[in-house]
Amino acid sequence: MSISLSNISKSYKNIRAVENITLSVNHGELFGLIGPDGAGKTTIFRILTTLLIANEGSATVAGFDVVKDYKAIRNSVGYMPGKFSLYQDLTVEENLSFFATIFGTTIEENYDLIKDIYIQIEPFKTRRAGALSGGMKQKLALCCALIHAPKVLFLDEPTTGVDPVSRKEFWQMLKRLQQKGITILVSTPYMDEAALCDRIALIQEGKILKIDTPENIIRKYDKTIYNVQTKNIYQLLLDLKNYPSQYSVFAFGEFMHYIDKNNNFNPMDLQDYLTAKKHTEIIIQPATITIEDVFMDL
């Protein structure tokens, strides 16, 4: 077991950030913590990387206790925080050399581990880190987190604020790193990235809602969701919320995702209701269930 948390709780004064968190991550697994801002993801990361001490519970990383063996953990993990935290006035090459030196290694010693990522930023190696684009900053931060060949890699919302192409490239990099035997714990508020993980934990308000593979979470969902669309999409939301047998409704792209309370729901009844409300160009069709739908329901 690479990462283990048992009944971890942490409070800031009167605010409970995480409550009774228990989960484990297997060796070589790509595990995702999925949840919105304020869900407790960063607090969990800081506890596991020995930057915070939990009020209750215990945790281990790479076989080391997060309190007793904090020095060993710091030498065994790579951590990429949510905010870009490298030295902006140093160049790409200077940042990488600095972090290699801190860990008593060299760029050359572990170059094979970062090669696929570094070759993308090498043309900019003399550019200051602060002048890099968001995607390039992200790749440099990942190189610096990997330069000492960590056993476990922690990535706290690494793709927030990054363009879609760079996000896709980043996840491809993580898959390649996973093949090299590195355990990866990644947090993200993007539900579409959940499907790229081996297993995920859905987290909200400091509590775990569900842990499983993305496929199992979707497969076990037992409600039927409908895509509903009309010409007046704002009024549609209001009218769907007032429909007598409405279980839930929320915006999802160009549609409203609608769930009815009744198992014998007839879409024609809803169509007649919307027609009576003067809606036009009505579309009601079964939707493909996503992680976001399950999360919203939970």
Protein backbone atom coordinates (compact mmCIF):
# COMPACT_ATOMS: atom_id res chain seq x y z
CA MET A 1 0.00 0.00 0.00
CA SER A 2 1.55 3.32 -1.09
CA ILE A 3 -0.85 5.67 0.73
CA SER A 4 -3.14 4.96 3.67
CA LEU A 5 -5.40 7.28 5.66
CA SER A 6 -7.39 6.08 8.65
CA ASN A 7 -10.07 8.30 10.24
CA ILE A 8 -8.21 11.51 9.41
CA SER A 9 -9.86 14.73 10.63
CA LYS A 10 -8.58 18.30 10.53
CA SER A 11 -10.13 21.53 11.77
CA TYR A 12 -9.14 25.18 11.38
CA LYS A 13 -10.47 26.87 14.52
CA ASN A 14 -14.22 26.13 14.29
CA ILE A 15 -14.19 24.97 10.67
CA ARG A 16 -14.01 21.23 9.96
CA ALA A 17 -11.91 20.88 6.80
CA VAL A 18 -11.89 17.06 6.61
CA GLU A 19 -13.83 14.57 8.71
CA ASN A 20 -13.07 10.88 9.28
CA ILE A 21 -11.33 10.36 5.94
CA THR A 22 -10.34 6.74 5.34
CA LEU A 23 -8.90 5.61 2.02
CA SER A 24 -5.96 3.72 0.57
CA VAL A 25 -3.99 3.95 -2.68
CA ASN A 26 -2.23 0.90 -4.11
CA HIS A 27 1.32 0.84 -5.39
CA GLY A 28 1.48 2.13 -8.97
CA GLU A 29 -2.12 3.36 -8.93
CA LEU A 30 -3.37 6.62 -10.43
CA PHE A 31 -5.92 7.73 -7.84
CA GLY A 32 -8.09 10.84 -8.09
CA LEU A 33 -9.61 13.05 -5.39
CA ILE A 34 -12.58 14.61 -7.13
CA GLY A 35 -14.49 17.52 -5.67
CA PRO A 36 -15.16 21.27 -5.84
CA ASP A 37 -13.13 24.05 -4.24
CA GLY A 38 -13.35 23.87 -0.46
CA ALA A 39 -14.04 20.12 -0.40
CA GLY A 40 -10.88 19.36 1.61
CA LYS A 41 -8.58 18.08 -1.14
CA THR A 42 -5.65 20.41 -0.40
CA THR A 43 -5.87 19.74 3.35
CA ILE A 44 -5.53 16.00 2.68
CA PHE A 45 -2.53 16.64 0.43
CA ARG A 46 -0.82 18.81 3.03
CA ILE A 47 -1.32 16.17 5.72
CA LEU A 48 0.12 13.45 3.47
CA THR A 49 3.12 15.59 2.48
CA THR A 50 3.82 16.41 6.18
CA LEU A 51 2.99 20.12 5.88
CA LEU A 52 0.04 19.80 8.29
CA ILE A 53 -0.64 17.56 11.27
CA ALA A 54 -4.12 16.06 11.52
CA ASN A 55 -6.18 16.55 14.68
CA GLU A 56 -7.27 12.91 14.62
CA GLY A 57 -6.39 9.69 12.81
CA SER A 58 -3.25 8.29 11.24
CA ALA A 59 -1.71 8.15 7.77
CA THR A 60 1.25 6.56 6.02
CA VAL A 61 2.98 7.31 2.74
CA ALA A 62 5.38 4.81 1.12
CA GLY A 63 5.30 2.86 4.38
CA PHE A 64 6.29 5.86 6.54
CA ASP A 65 4.15 7.51 9.22
CA VAL A 66 3.34 11.13 8.34
CA VAL A 67 4.22 12.36 11.85
CA LYS A 68 7.04 10.10 13.06
CA ASP A 69 8.81 9.69 9.70
CA TYR A 70 8.22 13.08 8.09
CA LYS A 71 11.84 13.46 6.92
CA ALA A 72 11.75 10.11 5.14
CA ILE A 73 8.47 11.04 3.45
CA ARG A 74 9.85 14.34 2.20
CA ASN A 75 12.67 12.45 0.50
CA SER A 76 10.29 9.86 -0.97
CA VAL A 77 7.56 12.02 -2.50
CA GLY A 78 7.15 14.65 -5.18
CA TYR A 79 4.63 17.42 -4.53
CA MET A 80 3.15 19.82 -7.06
CA PRO A 81 0.87 22.28 -5.21
CA GLY A 82 -2.12 23.94 -6.83
CA LYS A 83 -0.42 27.32 -7.07
CA PHE A 84 2.77 27.64 -9.16
CA SER A 85 5.46 27.67 -6.48
CA LEU A 86 8.78 27.66 -8.33
CA TYR A 87 11.20 30.59 -8.39
CA GLN A 88 9.83 32.92 -11.05
CA ASP A 89 13.05 34.91 -11.40
CA LEU A 90 15.13 31.79 -12.10
CA THR A 91 15.29 30.23 -15.54
CA VAL A 92 13.82 26.82 -16.38
CA GLU A 93 17.26 25.21 -16.15
CA GLU A 94 18.16 27.02 -12.91
CA ASN A 95 14.93 25.89 -11.21
CA LEU A 96 15.53 22.29 -12.20
CA SER A 97 19.18 22.36 -11.07
CA PHE A 98 18.19 23.95 -7.77
CA PHE A 99 15.63 21.28 -6.91
CA ALA A 100 17.99 18.49 -7.97
CA THR A 101 20.67 19.91 -5.66
CA ILE A 102 18.21 20.21 -2.73
CA PHE A 103 17.58 16.46 -2.99
CA GLY A 104 21.28 15.63 -3.41
CA THR A 105 20.98 14.49 -7.02
CA THR A 106 21.56 15.87 -10.52
CA ILE A 107 19.47 16.41 -13.62
CA GLU A 108 21.58 13.82 -15.45
CA GLU A 109 21.05 11.10 -12.81
CA ASN A 110 17.27 11.01 -13.24
CA TYR A 111 17.00 12.46 -16.73
CA ASP A 112 15.26 9.33 -18.09
CA LEU A 113 12.35 9.96 -15.73
CA ILE A 114 11.73 13.53 -16.90
CA LYS A 115 12.98 13.26 -20.48
CA ASP A 116 9.53 13.02 -22.15
CA ILE A 117 8.37 16.14 -20.29
CA TYR A 118 11.63 18.14 -20.33
CA ILE A 119 12.12 17.96 -24.11
CA GLN A 120 8.91 20.00 -24.46
CA ILE A 121 10.29 22.87 -22.36
CA GLU A 122 13.99 22.53 -23.30
CA PRO A 123 13.73 25.18 -26.08
CA PHE A 124 12.84 27.65 -23.29
CA LYS A 125 15.48 26.52 -20.78
CA THR A 126 17.04 29.99 -20.55
CA ARG A 127 13.67 31.73 -20.08
CA ARG A 128 12.64 32.83 -16.60
CA ALA A 129 9.92 30.67 -15.09
CA GLY A 130 7.67 33.68 -14.52
CA ALA A 131 7.58 34.35 -18.28
CA LEU A 132 6.37 30.86 -19.22
CA SER A 133 2.82 30.07 -20.36
CA GLY A 134 0.50 28.19 -17.98
CA GLY A 135 1.10 24.86 -19.72
CA MET A 136 4.88 25.30 -19.70
CA LYS A 137 4.89 26.28 -16.00
CA GLN A 138 2.94 23.12 -15.30
CA LYS A 139 5.49 20.94 -17.14
CA LEU A 140 8.42 22.61 -15.36
CA ALA A 141 6.75 22.10 -11.96
CA LEU A 142 6.20 18.43 -12.79
CA CYS A 143 9.88 18.04 -13.78
CA CYS A 144 10.97 19.61 -10.49
CA ALA A 145 8.64 17.28 -8.54
CA LEU A 146 10.14 14.26 -10.32
CA ILE A 147 13.83 15.16 -10.38
CA HIS A 148 14.67 13.06 -7.28
CA ALA A 149 12.77 9.96 -8.56
CA PRO A 150 9.99 9.93 -5.93
CA LYS A 151 8.02 6.80 -5.06
CA VAL A 152 4.77 8.76 -4.73
CA LEU A 153 3.69 11.84 -6.67
CA PHE A 154 1.14 14.32 -5.27
CA LEU A 155 -0.50 16.68 -7.76
CA ASP A 156 -2.95 19.18 -6.28
CA GLU A 157 -5.27 20.49 -9.03
CA PRO A 158 -2.44 20.50 -11.59
CA THR A 159 -4.60 21.45 -14.59
CA THR A 160 -6.61 24.32 -13.09
CA GLY A 161 -6.43 27.34 -15.39
CA VAL A 162 -4.62 25.42 -18.13
CA ASP A 163 -5.87 25.25 -21.73
CA PRO A 164 -7.62 22.05 -22.95
CA VAL A 165 -4.69 20.91 -25.14
CA SER A 166 -2.20 21.22 -22.26
CA ARG A 167 -4.64 19.42 -19.95
CA LYS A 168 -4.81 16.48 -22.36
CA GLU A 169 -1.02 16.39 -22.75
CA PHE A 170 -0.57 16.49 -18.98
CA TRP A 171 -2.77 13.44 -18.41
CA GLN A 172 -0.91 11.56 -21.13
CA MET A 173 2.31 12.32 -19.21
CA LEU A 174 0.78 10.97 -15.99
CA LYS A 175 -0.14 7.71 -17.70
CA ARG A 176 3.46 7.30 -18.87
CA LEU A 177 4.78 8.03 -15.38
CA GLN A 178 2.40 5.47 -13.94
CA GLN A 179 3.88 2.85 -16.27
CA LYS A 180 7.23 3.50 -14.59
CA GLY A 181 5.80 2.33 -11.25
CA ILE A 182 5.17 5.72 -9.64
CA THR A 183 2.07 5.98 -7.45
CA ILE A 184 0.12 9.13 -8.32
CA LEU A 185 -2.49 10.91 -6.20
CA VAL A 186 -4.10 13.76 -8.14
CA SER A 187 -6.89 16.13 -7.16
CA THR A 188 -9.13 17.96 -9.60
CA PRO A 189 -12.42 19.85 -9.69
CA TYR A 190 -12.90 18.71 -13.31
CA MET A 191 -15.30 15.78 -13.41
CA ASP A 192 -14.24 14.77 -16.94
CA GLU A 193 -10.72 14.05 -15.62
CA ALA A 194 -12.14 11.53 -13.14
CA ALA A 195 -12.59 8.99 -15.95
CA LEU A 196 -8.81 9.04 -16.54
CA CYS A 197 -8.03 7.67 -13.05
CA ASP A 198 -7.87 4.00 -11.99
CA ARG A 199 -10.02 4.76 -8.93
CA ILE A 200 -11.52 7.94 -7.55
CA ALA A 201 -12.85 9.30 -4.28
CA LEU A 202 -15.72 11.77 -4.61
CA ILE A 203 -15.34 14.32 -1.81
CA GLN A 204 -17.59 17.14 -0.62
CA GLU A 205 -17.41 19.33 2.51
CA GLY A 206 -14.56 17.26 3.93
CA LYS A 207 -16.34 13.91 3.63
CA ILE A 208 -15.89 11.00 1.22
CA LEU A 209 -19.10 10.34 -0.69
CA LYS A 210 -17.95 7.30 -2.66
CA ILE A 211 -14.77 5.42 -3.61
CA ASP A 212 -14.63 3.13 -6.66
CA THR A 213 -13.50 2.93 -10.25
CA PRO A 214 -15.14 5.55 -12.51
CA GLU A 215 -16.77 2.74 -14.51
CA ASN A 216 -18.32 1.13 -11.42
CA ILE A 217 -19.60 4.44 -10.07
CA ILE A 218 -21.45 5.10 -13.33
CA ARG A 219 -22.60 1.48 -13.78
CA LYS A 220 -24.13 1.28 -10.29
CA TYR A 221 -26.11 4.50 -10.72
CA ASP A 222 -29.77 3.45 -10.81
CA LYS A 223 -31.58 6.56 -12.01
CA THR A 224 -32.53 7.57 -15.56
CA ILE A 225 -31.39 11.03 -16.60
CA TYR A 226 -32.96 12.99 -19.45
CA ASN A 227 -31.49 15.73 -21.62
CA VAL A 228 -34.13 18.45 -21.84
CA GLN A 229 -33.85 21.50 -24.08
CA THR A 230 -36.18 24.23 -25.32
CA LYS A 231 -35.69 27.58 -27.02
CA ASN A 232 -35.95 29.50 -23.72
CA ILE A 233 -33.33 27.64 -21.64
CA TYR A 234 -33.49 29.93 -18.58
CA GLN A 235 -37.26 29.68 -18.26
CA LEU A 236 -36.92 25.93 -18.81
CA LEU A 237 -34.84 25.61 -15.64
CA LEU A 238 -37.46 27.45 -13.59
CA ASP A 239 -40.34 25.44 -15.04
CA LEU A 240 -38.61 22.09 -14.58
CA LYS A 241 -37.96 22.92 -10.93
CA ASN A 242 -41.69 23.49 -10.51
CA TYR A 243 -42.73 20.24 -12.22
CA PRO A 244 -44.61 18.20 -9.55
CA SER A 245 -42.61 14.95 -9.88
CA GLN A 246 -39.19 16.57 -10.36
CA TYR A 247 -36.42 14.83 -8.38
CA SER A 248 -33.51 16.99 -9.58
CA VAL A 249 -32.59 19.33 -12.40
CA PHE A 250 -29.37 21.17 -13.20
CA ALA A 251 -27.67 22.75 -16.20
CA PHE A 252 -25.39 20.47 -18.19
CA GLY A 253 -23.88 22.08 -21.29
CA GLU A 254 -26.63 23.00 -23.76
CA PHE A 255 -29.19 20.82 -21.92
CA MET A 256 -30.86 20.55 -18.55
CA HIS A 257 -30.27 17.18 -16.89
CA TYR A 258 -33.62 16.12 -15.48
CA ILE A 259 -34.45 13.22 -13.13
CA ASP A 260 -38.02 12.29 -12.23
CA LYS A 261 -39.21 10.81 -8.93
CA ASN A 262 -41.34 8.20 -10.65
CA ASN A 263 -39.95 4.96 -12.10
CA ASN A 264 -42.77 4.90 -14.67
CA PHE A 265 -42.01 8.44 -15.88
CA ASN A 266 -43.47 9.22 -19.31
CA PRO A 267 -41.54 11.94 -21.20
CA MET A 268 -44.73 12.85 -23.10
CA ASP A 269 -46.28 14.09 -19.84
CA LEU A 270 -43.34 16.46 -19.36
CA GLN A 271 -43.57 17.57 -22.98
CA ASP A 272 -47.26 18.42 -22.54
CA TYR A 273 -46.41 20.38 -19.37
CA LEU A 274 -43.67 22.36 -21.16
CA THR A 275 -45.94 23.02 -24.16
CA ALA A 276 -48.59 24.40 -21.78
CA LYS A 277 -45.86 26.67 -20.38
CA LYS A 278 -45.40 28.04 -23.94
CA HIS A 279 -42.03 26.35 -24.59
CA THR A 280 -41.07 25.64 -28.19
CA GLU A 281 -38.48 23.41 -29.93
CA ILE A 282 -38.74 20.89 -27.08
CA ILE A 283 -36.21 18.05 -26.90
CA ILE A 284 -36.48 15.29 -24.27
CA GLN A 285 -34.13 12.32 -24.63
CA PRO A 286 -32.21 9.90 -22.37
CA ALA A 287 -28.77 11.22 -21.39
CA THR A 288 -25.44 9.41 -21.10
CA ILE A 289 -24.63 9.28 -17.38
CA THR A 290 -21.35 10.89 -16.28
CA ILE A 291 -19.37 11.16 -13.05
CA GLU A 292 -20.71 14.70 -12.70
CA ASP A 293 -24.30 13.42 -12.68
CA VAL A 294 -23.50 10.93 -9.90
CA PHE A 295 -21.64 13.59 -7.92
CA MET A 296 -24.50 16.08 -8.21
CA ASP A 297 -26.97 13.44 -7.00
CA LEU A 298 -24.75 12.44 -4.07
